[in-house]
Protein backbone atom coordinates (compact mmCIF):
# COMPACT_ATOMS: atom_id res chain seq x y z
CA MET A 1 -4.00 -14.47 -21.70
CA ALA A 2 -3.95 -11.66 -19.14
CA ASN A 3 -5.40 -12.17 -15.69
CA GLU A 4 -8.32 -9.72 -15.66
CA ARG A 5 -8.34 -9.50 -11.85
CA VAL A 6 -4.67 -8.48 -11.75
CA ILE A 7 -5.33 -5.84 -14.42
CA ASP A 8 -8.32 -4.54 -12.43
CA ILE A 9 -6.23 -4.28 -9.24
CA PHE A 10 -3.36 -2.55 -11.05
CA GLU A 11 -5.75 -0.01 -12.54
CA GLY A 12 -7.00 0.65 -9.00
CA LEU A 13 -3.45 1.45 -7.93
CA LEU A 14 -3.40 4.15 -10.57
CA LYS A 15 -5.81 6.12 -8.39
CA THR A 16 -2.74 7.51 -6.66
CA LYS A 17 -3.20 10.65 -8.74
CA GLU A 18 -6.62 11.16 -7.17
CA LEU A 19 -5.16 10.60 -3.70
CA ILE A 20 -2.49 13.23 -4.27
CA ALA A 21 -5.13 15.74 -5.35
CA GLU A 22 -7.40 14.84 -2.42
CA LYS A 23 -4.62 15.18 0.18
CA ASN A 24 -3.28 18.32 -1.50
CA PHE A 25 0.38 17.26 -1.32
CA THR A 26 2.87 20.06 -1.55
CA HIS A 27 5.95 19.77 -3.73
CA ALA A 28 8.11 19.69 -0.60
CA GLU A 29 6.10 16.74 0.75
CA TYR A 30 6.42 15.00 -2.59
CA ARG A 31 10.21 15.47 -2.57
CA GLU A 32 10.41 14.19 1.02
CA PHE A 33 8.47 11.07 0.00
CA CYS A 34 10.79 10.56 -2.98
CA LEU A 35 13.85 10.80 -0.74
CA TRP A 36 12.34 8.33 1.73
CA PHE A 37 11.41 5.91 -1.06
CA ASP A 38 14.90 6.26 -2.54
CA ARG A 39 16.48 5.37 0.81
CA LEU A 40 14.14 2.39 1.01
CA GLY A 41 15.24 1.31 -2.45
CA GLN A 42 18.92 1.67 -1.61
CA THR A 43 18.45 -0.81 1.21
CA ARG A 44 16.80 -3.18 -1.28
CA GLU A 45 13.76 -3.38 0.98
CA THR A 46 11.23 -2.04 -1.53
CA PRO A 47 9.82 -5.47 -2.50
CA LEU A 48 9.47 -6.48 1.16
CA PHE A 49 7.83 -3.16 2.06
CA ALA A 50 5.36 -3.47 -0.82
CA ASP A 51 4.57 -7.07 0.04
CA VAL A 52 3.91 -6.35 3.72
CA PHE A 53 2.00 -3.14 3.00
CA TYR A 54 -0.34 -4.64 0.43
CA GLU A 55 -0.74 -8.00 2.19
CA THR A 56 -1.75 -6.21 5.40
CA HIS A 57 -4.52 -4.37 3.55
CA VAL A 58 -5.65 -7.48 1.69
CA LEU A 59 -5.90 -9.39 4.97
CA ARG A 60 -7.78 -6.54 6.63
CA GLY A 61 -10.21 -6.62 3.73
CA MET A 62 -10.65 -10.36 4.12
CA TYR A 63 -10.81 -10.57 7.92
CA GLY A 64 -11.47 -7.03 9.11
CA ASP A 65 -15.01 -7.78 10.18
CA LEU A 66 -14.04 -10.70 12.44
CA THR A 67 -13.86 -10.24 16.20
CA ILE A 68 -10.85 -11.42 18.17
CA SER A 69 -11.42 -13.91 20.96
CA LYS A 70 -9.88 -13.29 24.36
CA MET A 71 -7.49 -16.20 23.76
CA ASP A 72 -6.15 -14.54 20.59
CA GLN A 73 -5.27 -11.36 22.47
CA TYR A 74 -2.48 -13.01 24.48
């Protein structure tokens, strides 16, 4: 049985098309991104990059409203 939450999150990732339209990417910018992502893939760092990128945003969503104590700033 499929995990409905995972499916819901994946469908949210498909909103990339809307982001591209909103930011009005040019074809040159798209190609530059593809070249960068290809270089990332050639270093075999894509899974690490994705993990860190998404985990950072998940954690910000979970803890973004918390204040940092002065002790945590050191």
